[in-house]
Amino acid sequence: MIKLAIVGTGGVAHGHARHFKSIPGCRLVACCDVMRGRAAEYAAPHQSPAAYRDIDEMFAQEAVDAISNCTPDAFHAPLSLKAIAKGIHVLCEKPLATNYPDAKRMADAARRKGVINMVNFSYRNSSALHKAHQLVAQGAVGRVVHFEASYLQSWLVGKQWGDWRVGANWLWRLSEKMGSKGVLGDIGVHILDFASYPAGNIASVNCRLKCFHKAPGDRLRGVQLDANDSAVITVELANGALGTIHTSRWATGYANCLELRIHGDQGAIRINLDKSYTQLEICRGKDIDKVQWKTVACAKTPNLHQRFITSIKTGKNDQPDFARGAAIQKVIDACFASDKTGRTVKT
């Protein structure tokens, strides 16, 4: 039985508890949150036997095999490193850290300690993405020469997830001083992994970030709204292919849409997760001249929580691991450097 604790009991943590609860051989034994009373409120509906405000106290009192680190970005590194030092396996929310040196420190520590380590790039749960990776690796579309990817949300415009102006869960995502890396660190990290996992490793980026006016004085309830909320990135892959990646919270009409198009010299692949997690479209062979696309059904894949628990049981670390999280963090750091200097930055 894998004894698991969830650290950080905000909105995203509820999904983690539901996923782990459905996995045989895994039991939630504790939860922890620094905000007074929040862990106890979380423990009741998710049937956690214990709730703590201090992670050191939790580790001292509970025999924990693994943690799911669901804390805000700035706490990913310090809390994960505490767990790793005790030989505890870690599934960490994205982004892995707030900078590449911290992310690399996490990956190196996990490797040295021999603990299972994974980062929650949750769109790896799409079997269509895994099939695209396989097809590109097999040469099904030839040499990749161009790609385009987008991750679009509209919660700064609409209220499909509630009103960010009055809700308590959103403001930190809009403030650098509260530890946010903006849309680039929040969901840009997803689309960077989503695009480069099948298309290929990123060699350089040229990035433009922008934070738009959204409140009087760009402050709300004492919080400075200074984090980027739109990002446009021109990318060169390691094989020389060019592409664009863009993401925004101002994309009216889109709740949570990820799209990817990969163009090779012998075919193309496209994925739209709004349409399907388990289907992709491909154009190759005789269909190229007719500009026709065929739908490919992809068998379902275990979700990332299942793969994390399986990794612990087998001792074989599945992907995406901390090394992958650190590599994506290096790209994010390069994007910030590019925006600051106005130049292309190698990764």
Protein backbone atom coordinates (compact mmCIF):
# COMPACT_ATOMS: atom_id res chain seq x y z
CA MET A 1 0.00 0.00 0.00
CA ILE A 2 1.45 3.37 -1.05
CA LYS A 3 0.81 5.92 1.71
CA LEU A 4 0.36 9.33 0.12
CA ALA A 5 0.08 12.87 1.48
CA ILE A 6 -1.16 15.92 -0.38
CA VAL A 7 0.68 19.16 0.35
CA GLY A 8 -1.25 22.31 -0.49
CA THR A 9 -5.03 21.93 -0.44
CA GLY A 10 -6.17 24.64 -2.84
CA GLY A 11 -8.36 24.14 -5.90
CA VAL A 12 -6.02 21.90 -7.91
CA ALA A 13 -5.54 19.53 -4.97
CA HIS A 14 -9.12 18.28 -5.13
CA GLY A 15 -8.51 16.66 -8.51
CA HIS A 16 -5.35 15.02 -7.20
CA ALA A 17 -7.25 13.44 -4.32
CA ARG A 18 -9.97 12.09 -6.62
CA HIS A 19 -7.40 10.59 -9.00
CA PHE A 20 -5.36 8.92 -6.27
CA LYS A 21 -8.46 7.62 -4.50
CA SER A 22 -9.39 5.67 -7.65
CA ILE A 23 -6.03 3.88 -7.83
CA PRO A 24 -5.78 0.44 -6.15
CA GLY A 25 -2.88 0.13 -3.75
CA CYS A 26 -2.76 3.85 -2.93
CA ARG A 27 -4.15 5.47 0.22
CA LEU A 28 -4.35 9.13 1.23
CA VAL A 29 -3.06 9.27 4.82
CA ALA A 30 -2.55 13.01 5.38
CA CYS A 31 -2.84 16.49 3.95
CA CYS A 32 -1.06 19.73 4.78
CA ASP A 33 -1.67 23.44 4.22
CA VAL A 34 -0.17 26.50 5.91
CA MET A 35 -3.51 28.32 5.87
CA ARG A 36 -5.29 27.79 9.17
CA GLY A 37 -8.23 25.41 8.91
CA ARG A 38 -7.90 24.72 5.19
CA ALA A 39 -6.29 21.29 5.51
CA ALA A 40 -9.01 20.19 7.92
CA GLU A 41 -11.71 21.40 5.52
CA TYR A 42 -10.02 19.46 2.72
CA ALA A 43 -9.53 16.31 4.80
CA ALA A 44 -13.21 15.70 5.48
CA PRO A 45 -14.59 15.25 1.93
CA HIS A 46 -11.47 13.39 0.77
CA GLN A 47 -11.37 11.12 3.84
CA SER A 48 -7.84 12.04 4.86
CA PRO A 49 -7.23 10.68 8.39
CA ALA A 50 -4.87 13.53 9.34
CA ALA A 51 -4.48 17.24 8.56
CA TYR A 52 -1.45 19.42 9.30
CA ARG A 53 -0.32 23.04 8.97
CA ASP A 54 3.40 22.20 9.00
CA ILE A 55 5.06 19.76 6.61
CA ASP A 56 7.89 18.96 9.05
CA GLU A 57 5.35 17.96 11.69
CA MET A 58 3.54 15.83 9.12
CA PHE A 59 6.74 14.02 8.16
CA ALA A 60 7.55 13.47 11.84
CA GLN A 61 4.12 12.03 12.62
CA GLU A 62 3.20 10.11 9.46
CA ALA A 63 4.83 7.22 7.61
CA VAL A 64 4.53 8.83 4.16
CA ASP A 65 5.80 7.07 1.04
CA ALA A 66 4.95 9.83 -1.44
CA ILE A 67 3.60 13.35 -1.67
CA SER A 68 1.66 15.25 -4.26
CA ASN A 69 2.95 18.83 -4.13
CA CYS A 70 -0.01 21.06 -5.01
CA THR A 71 1.31 24.28 -3.47
CA PRO A 72 1.74 27.60 -5.35
CA ASP A 73 4.75 27.80 -7.68
CA ALA A 74 7.18 29.43 -5.25
CA PHE A 75 6.86 26.50 -2.80
CA HIS A 76 7.45 23.69 -5.28
CA ALA A 77 11.22 23.61 -4.85
CA PRO A 78 11.64 23.97 -1.07
CA LEU A 79 8.89 21.52 -0.12
CA SER A 80 9.79 18.94 -2.77
CA LEU A 81 13.44 19.07 -1.67
CA LYS A 82 12.38 18.43 1.93
CA ALA A 83 10.50 15.32 0.82
CA ILE A 84 13.32 14.10 -1.40
CA ALA A 85 15.83 14.46 1.45
CA LYS A 86 13.68 12.02 3.44
CA GLY A 87 13.52 9.52 0.57
CA ILE A 88 9.89 10.36 -0.21
CA HIS A 89 8.64 10.10 -3.80
CA VAL A 90 7.27 13.33 -5.30
CA LEU A 91 4.65 14.25 -7.86
CA CYS A 92 4.95 18.02 -8.24
CA GLU A 93 2.56 20.45 -9.86
CA LYS A 94 3.84 22.52 -12.76
CA PRO A 95 5.93 24.55 -13.26
CA LEU A 96 8.54 22.46 -11.49
CA ALA A 97 10.10 25.60 -9.99
CA THR A 98 10.21 29.35 -10.58
CA ASN A 99 13.65 29.23 -12.22
CA TYR A 100 15.94 26.72 -13.92
CA PRO A 101 18.63 26.52 -11.19
CA ASP A 102 16.01 25.47 -8.62
CA ALA A 103 14.41 23.02 -11.06
CA LYS A 104 17.80 21.47 -11.84
CA ARG A 105 18.54 21.24 -8.12
CA MET A 106 15.29 19.29 -7.69
CA ALA A 107 16.06 16.94 -10.57
CA ASP A 108 19.62 16.34 -9.37
CA ALA A 109 18.49 15.70 -5.78
CA ALA A 110 15.82 13.23 -6.87
CA ARG A 111 18.31 11.36 -9.07
CA ARG A 112 20.90 11.13 -6.29
CA LYS A 113 18.34 9.98 -3.74
CA GLY A 114 16.76 7.49 -6.13
CA VAL A 115 13.17 8.59 -5.49
CA ILE A 116 10.42 8.52 -8.10
CA ASN A 117 9.86 12.04 -9.40
CA MET A 118 7.27 13.35 -11.85
CA VAL A 119 5.88 16.74 -12.80
CA ASN A 120 2.18 17.15 -13.48
CA PHE A 121 2.13 18.08 -17.16
CA SER A 122 -1.46 16.89 -17.12
CA TYR A 123 -2.02 17.01 -20.89
CA ARG A 124 0.28 14.01 -21.15
CA ASN A 125 -2.97 12.23 -20.21
CA SER A 126 -3.99 12.64 -23.86
CA SER A 127 -3.36 9.45 -25.81
CA ALA A 128 -3.47 11.56 -28.99
CA LEU A 129 -0.33 13.39 -27.81
CA HIS A 130 1.50 10.11 -27.16
CA LYS A 131 0.47 8.81 -30.59
CA ALA A 132 1.74 12.01 -32.22
CA HIS A 133 5.07 11.54 -30.44
CA GLN A 134 5.25 7.95 -31.68
CA LEU A 135 4.33 8.85 -35.27
CA VAL A 136 6.92 11.63 -35.50
CA ALA A 137 9.60 9.38 -33.98
CA GLN A 138 8.76 6.67 -36.54
CA GLY A 139 9.14 9.15 -39.41
CA ALA A 140 5.46 9.06 -40.36
CA VAL A 141 5.53 12.73 -41.46
CA GLY A 142 9.17 12.81 -42.49
CA ARG A 143 11.42 15.59 -41.25
CA VAL A 144 9.61 18.14 -39.10
CA VAL A 145 10.04 21.58 -40.67
CA HIS A 146 7.29 23.71 -39.12
CA PHE A 147 4.85 23.63 -36.22
CA GLU A 148 2.36 25.84 -34.43
CA ALA A 149 0.80 25.44 -31.00
CA SER A 150 -1.58 27.42 -28.83
CA TYR A 151 -3.13 27.30 -25.38
CA LEU A 152 -6.07 29.67 -25.09
CA GLN A 153 -8.16 30.63 -22.05
CA SER A 154 -10.58 33.52 -21.50
CA TRP A 155 -11.14 33.80 -17.75
CA LEU A 156 -9.95 37.42 -17.75
CA VAL A 157 -12.86 38.14 -20.10
CA GLY A 158 -15.57 35.65 -19.10
CA LYS A 159 -16.86 34.01 -15.95
CA GLN A 160 -16.94 30.37 -17.02
CA TRP A 161 -14.84 29.47 -13.96
CA GLY A 162 -16.09 32.28 -11.74
CA ASP A 163 -15.25 35.98 -11.51
CA TRP A 164 -11.53 36.56 -10.90
CA ARG A 165 -12.31 40.03 -9.53
CA VAL A 166 -14.15 38.62 -6.51
CA GLY A 167 -12.82 35.06 -6.15
CA ALA A 168 -10.01 34.23 -3.76
CA ASN A 169 -8.25 31.64 -5.94
CA TRP A 170 -7.20 33.75 -8.90
CA LEU A 171 -5.36 36.89 -7.82
CA TRP A 172 -2.05 35.18 -7.06
CA ARG A 173 -1.89 34.04 -10.69
CA LEU A 174 -1.88 37.71 -11.78
CA SER A 175 0.85 38.94 -9.43
CA GLU A 176 4.60 38.45 -9.67
CA LYS A 177 4.95 39.55 -6.04
CA MET A 178 2.72 36.64 -5.03
CA GLY A 179 4.99 34.18 -6.85
CA SER A 180 3.28 33.93 -10.24
CA LYS A 181 5.20 33.70 -13.50
CA GLY A 182 2.05 34.78 -15.32
CA VAL A 183 0.40 32.95 -18.18
CA LEU A 184 3.82 31.76 -19.38
CA GLY A 185 4.56 29.95 -16.12
CA ASP A 186 0.99 28.88 -15.46
CA ILE A 187 -0.26 27.42 -18.75
CA GLY A 188 2.59 28.30 -21.12
CA VAL A 189 4.57 25.61 -19.37
CA HIS A 190 1.92 23.11 -20.52
CA ILE A 191 1.95 24.14 -24.17
CA LEU A 192 5.76 24.17 -24.28
CA ASP A 193 5.76 20.53 -23.15
CA PHE A 194 2.74 19.66 -25.28
CA ALA A 195 4.36 21.01 -28.45
CA SER A 196 7.95 19.89 -27.98
CA TYR A 197 7.19 16.36 -26.72
CA PRO A 198 6.20 15.21 -30.23
CA ALA A 199 7.78 17.97 -32.38
CA GLY A 200 11.28 17.91 -30.88
CA ASN A 201 13.53 19.68 -28.41
CA ILE A 202 13.58 23.49 -28.37
CA ALA A 203 16.94 25.07 -29.28
CA SER A 204 16.10 28.79 -29.12
CA VAL A 205 13.22 31.19 -28.45
CA ASN A 206 12.27 34.74 -29.27
CA CYS A 207 9.49 35.76 -26.90
CA ARG A 208 7.20 38.73 -26.32
CA LEU A 209 5.25 38.95 -23.06
CA LYS A 210 2.58 41.46 -22.15
CA CYS A 211 0.49 42.36 -19.13
CA PHE A 212 -2.64 44.29 -20.07
CA HIS A 213 -4.46 46.85 -17.93
CA LYS A 214 -7.28 45.17 -16.02
CA ALA A 215 -8.07 47.24 -12.89
CA PRO A 216 -7.69 50.84 -11.64
CA GLY A 217 -4.01 51.38 -10.94
CA ASP A 218 -3.48 47.76 -11.92
CA ARG A 219 -4.20 46.81 -8.31
CA LEU A 220 -7.05 44.84 -6.79
CA ARG A 221 -7.63 44.19 -3.10
CA GLY A 222 -4.07 45.29 -2.37
CA VAL A 223 -2.54 42.98 -4.98
CA GLN A 224 -0.36 44.38 -7.79
CA LEU A 225 -1.54 42.88 -11.11
CA ASP A 226 1.82 42.77 -12.85
CA ALA A 227 2.24 39.21 -14.20
CA ASN A 228 2.14 38.59 -17.96
CA ASP A 229 -1.19 37.41 -19.35
CA SER A 230 -0.28 36.95 -23.04
CA ALA A 231 2.80 35.36 -24.58
CA VAL A 232 3.93 34.90 -28.19
CA ILE A 233 7.03 32.79 -28.84
CA THR A 234 8.92 32.12 -32.05
CA VAL A 235 10.77 28.81 -31.67
CA GLU A 236 13.57 26.98 -33.44
CA LEU A 237 13.85 23.26 -32.73
CA ALA A 238 17.09 21.33 -32.41
CA ASN A 239 16.64 19.96 -35.95
CA GLY A 240 16.25 23.48 -37.39
CA ALA A 241 12.45 23.47 -37.72
CA LEU A 242 10.63 26.72 -37.02
CA GLY A 243 7.40 27.21 -35.14
CA THR A 244 5.22 29.48 -33.06
CA ILE A 245 3.73 28.97 -29.62
CA HIS A 246 1.27 31.42 -28.13
CA THR A 247 -0.92 31.54 -25.07
CA SER A 248 -3.31 34.02 -23.49
CA ARG A 249 -5.94 34.49 -20.82
CA TRP A 250 -7.72 37.00 -23.06
CA ALA A 251 -8.78 34.52 -25.77
CA THR A 252 -12.51 35.28 -25.84
CA GLY A 253 -14.56 32.27 -26.86
CA TYR A 254 -12.07 29.67 -25.60
CA ALA A 255 -12.40 28.15 -22.14
CA ASN A 256 -9.34 25.87 -22.15
CA CYS A 257 -8.18 24.98 -25.65
CA LEU A 258 -4.89 23.34 -26.65
CA GLU A 259 -4.04 22.87 -30.33
CA LEU A 260 -0.95 21.56 -32.09
CA ARG A 261 -0.08 21.27 -35.77
CA ILE A 262 3.16 19.58 -36.86
CA HIS A 263 4.23 19.82 -40.51
CA GLY A 264 6.85 17.51 -41.96
CA ASP A 265 8.23 17.18 -45.48
CA GLN A 266 6.18 13.97 -45.93
CA GLY A 267 3.01 14.70 -43.97
CA ALA A 268 1.36 16.55 -41.09
CA ILE A 269 -0.38 15.89 -37.77
CA ARG A 270 -2.89 18.02 -35.90
CA ILE A 271 -4.43 17.73 -32.44
CA ASN A 272 -7.25 19.74 -30.88
CA LEU A 273 -8.02 18.74 -27.30
CA ASP A 274 -11.33 20.63 -27.44
CA LYS A 275 -12.39 18.00 -29.98
CA SER A 276 -10.78 14.89 -28.52
CA TYR A 277 -8.11 13.61 -26.15
CA THR A 278 -8.05 10.27 -27.94
CA GLN A 279 -8.05 11.22 -31.63
CA LEU A 280 -5.65 13.04 -33.92
CA GLU A 281 -5.72 13.84 -37.62
CA ILE A 282 -3.01 13.03 -40.12
CA CYS A 283 -2.37 14.01 -43.75
CA ARG A 284 0.25 11.99 -45.63
CA GLY A 285 0.87 9.86 -48.70
CA LYS A 286 -1.74 10.28 -51.42
CA ASP A 287 -3.81 12.54 -49.15
CA ILE A 288 -1.19 15.30 -49.40
CA ASP A 289 -2.12 16.18 -52.99
CA LYS A 290 -5.82 16.03 -52.16
CA VAL A 291 -5.32 18.07 -48.94
CA GLN A 292 -7.31 15.47 -47.02
CA TRP A 293 -7.01 14.50 -43.38
CA LYS A 294 -7.74 11.13 -41.81
CA THR A 295 -8.79 10.66 -38.20
CA VAL A 296 -6.68 8.27 -36.13
CA ALA A 297 -8.22 6.76 -33.00
CA CYS A 298 -5.70 6.38 -30.16
CA ALA A 299 -6.07 3.88 -27.32
CA LYS A 300 -6.47 5.43 -23.90
CA THR A 301 -3.36 5.88 -21.78
CA PRO A 302 -3.02 5.67 -17.97
CA ASN A 303 -3.25 9.13 -16.44
CA LEU A 304 -0.24 10.70 -14.82
CA HIS A 305 -1.35 9.87 -11.28
CA GLN A 306 -1.65 6.20 -12.21
CA ARG A 307 1.78 6.26 -13.85
CA PHE A 308 3.26 7.87 -10.72
CA ILE A 309 1.95 5.11 -8.46
CA THR A 310 3.00 2.41 -10.94
CA SER A 311 6.49 3.94 -11.03
CA ILE A 312 6.72 3.70 -7.24
CA LYS A 313 5.62 0.05 -7.30
CA THR A 314 7.96 -0.96 -10.12
CA GLY A 315 10.89 1.32 -9.31
CA LYS A 316 10.95 2.46 -12.94
CA ASN A 317 10.52 6.23 -13.26
CA ASP A 318 7.97 7.12 -15.94
CA GLN A 319 7.79 10.43 -17.82
CA PRO A 320 7.56 13.38 -17.47
CA ASP A 321 10.19 13.36 -14.72
CA PHE A 322 11.90 16.27 -12.96
CA ALA A 323 14.63 16.34 -15.62
CA ARG A 324 11.92 17.06 -18.21
CA GLY A 325 10.38 19.66 -15.91
CA ALA A 326 13.77 21.33 -15.53
CA ALA A 327 14.30 21.34 -19.31
CA ILE A 328 10.96 23.10 -19.82
CA GLN A 329 11.82 25.54 -17.00
CA LYS A 330 15.04 26.36 -18.85
CA VAL A 331 12.95 27.28 -21.90
CA ILE A 332 10.69 29.47 -19.74
CA ASP A 333 13.71 31.28 -18.30
CA ALA A 334 14.97 31.82 -21.85
CA CYS A 335 11.58 33.29 -22.79
CA PHE A 336 11.80 35.82 -19.96
CA ALA A 337 15.36 36.70 -20.95
CA SER A 338 14.29 37.11 -24.58
CA ASP A 339 11.41 39.40 -23.66
CA LYS A 340 13.71 41.52 -21.51
CA THR A 341 16.45 41.89 -24.13
CA GLY A 342 14.36 41.75 -27.31
CA ARG A 343 16.71 39.09 -28.66
CA THR A 344 16.62 35.40 -29.53
CA VAL A 345 17.94 33.29 -26.65
CA LYS A 346 19.37 29.78 -26.91
CA THR A 347 18.14 27.14 -24.51
